[in-house]
Amino acid sequence: MSSSYRFSRGDKVRIISGKHKGASGTVDAKVFQRSADLLDEHTPSYHVVLDSELVVTVNMKQVDD
């Protein structure tokens, strides 16, 4: 994976935009695929396990600590 990913597996993050804005969770994996808000393009993203136990794929620009 590219070194441009800011977070690693186990890091706590907060989603700052998109359909899951305001949710928090834990990074499970760095991936390069479509995300919940960008269904038509593959981008650097994270699989995030939300505190609600839902697993979502979000673009790397949509998360912060």
Protein backbone atom coordinates (compact mmCIF):
# COMPACT_ATOMS: atom_id res chain seq x y z
CA MET A 1 0.00 0.00 0.00
CA SER A 2 1.03 3.55 -0.61
CA SER A 3 2.70 5.48 2.19
CA SER A 4 0.15 8.26 1.60
CA TYR A 5 -2.31 6.45 3.88
CA ARG A 6 -2.38 8.33 7.17
CA PHE A 7 -3.96 5.62 9.33
CA SER A 8 -3.19 1.96 9.97
CA ARG A 9 -5.15 -1.03 11.23
CA GLY A 10 -6.38 -0.42 14.77
CA ASP A 11 -6.33 3.38 14.59
CA LYS A 12 -9.44 5.15 15.89
CA VAL A 13 -10.98 7.51 13.31
CA ARG A 14 -13.98 9.77 12.82
CA ILE A 15 -15.77 10.09 9.49
CA ILE A 16 -15.93 13.76 8.55
CA SER A 17 -18.01 13.72 5.35
CA GLY A 18 -20.43 11.63 3.33
CA LYS A 19 -23.26 9.35 4.28
CA HIS A 20 -21.57 8.20 7.52
CA LYS A 21 -20.47 11.70 8.64
CA GLY A 22 -20.06 11.94 12.40
CA ALA A 23 -19.62 8.20 12.96
CA SER A 24 -16.50 6.91 14.65
CA GLY A 25 -14.77 3.57 14.47
CA THR A 26 -11.56 1.63 13.97
CA VAL A 27 -9.55 1.14 10.78
CA ASP A 28 -9.56 -2.51 9.76
CA ALA A 29 -7.70 -2.29 6.44
CA LYS A 30 -6.21 -0.01 3.79
CA VAL A 31 -7.83 -0.77 0.43
CA PHE A 32 -8.04 0.55 -3.12
CA GLN A 33 -11.66 0.18 -4.16
CA ARG A 34 -15.01 1.93 -4.43
CA SER A 35 -16.25 3.61 -1.27
CA ALA A 36 -19.72 4.23 0.13
CA ASP A 37 -19.82 7.72 -1.36
CA LEU A 38 -17.80 7.20 -4.57
CA LEU A 39 -19.40 4.15 -6.16
CA ASP A 40 -18.18 4.87 -9.69
CA GLU A 41 -14.45 5.08 -9.05
CA HIS A 42 -11.72 3.14 -7.28
CA THR A 43 -9.81 5.29 -4.78
CA PRO A 44 -7.50 4.82 -1.80
CA SER A 45 -9.89 3.97 1.02
CA TYR A 46 -10.21 2.35 4.42
CA HIS A 47 -12.42 -0.42 5.72
CA VAL A 48 -13.67 1.01 9.01
CA VAL A 49 -15.53 -0.93 11.69
CA LEU A 50 -17.90 1.65 13.12
CA ASP A 51 -18.69 1.72 16.83
CA SER A 52 -22.13 0.39 15.82
CA GLU A 53 -20.27 -2.70 14.43
CA LEU A 54 -21.17 -1.86 10.81
CA VAL A 55 -18.21 -2.21 8.43
CA VAL A 56 -17.97 0.55 5.80
CA THR A 57 -15.52 1.51 3.08
CA VAL A 58 -14.69 5.22 3.11
CA ASN A 59 -12.33 7.31 1.01
CA MET A 60 -9.12 8.20 2.81
CA LYS A 61 -10.03 11.92 2.59
CA GLN A 62 -13.23 11.29 4.59
CA VAL A 63 -11.58 10.31 7.88
CA ASP A 64 -9.75 12.20 10.61
CA ASP A 65 -8.54 11.40 14.10
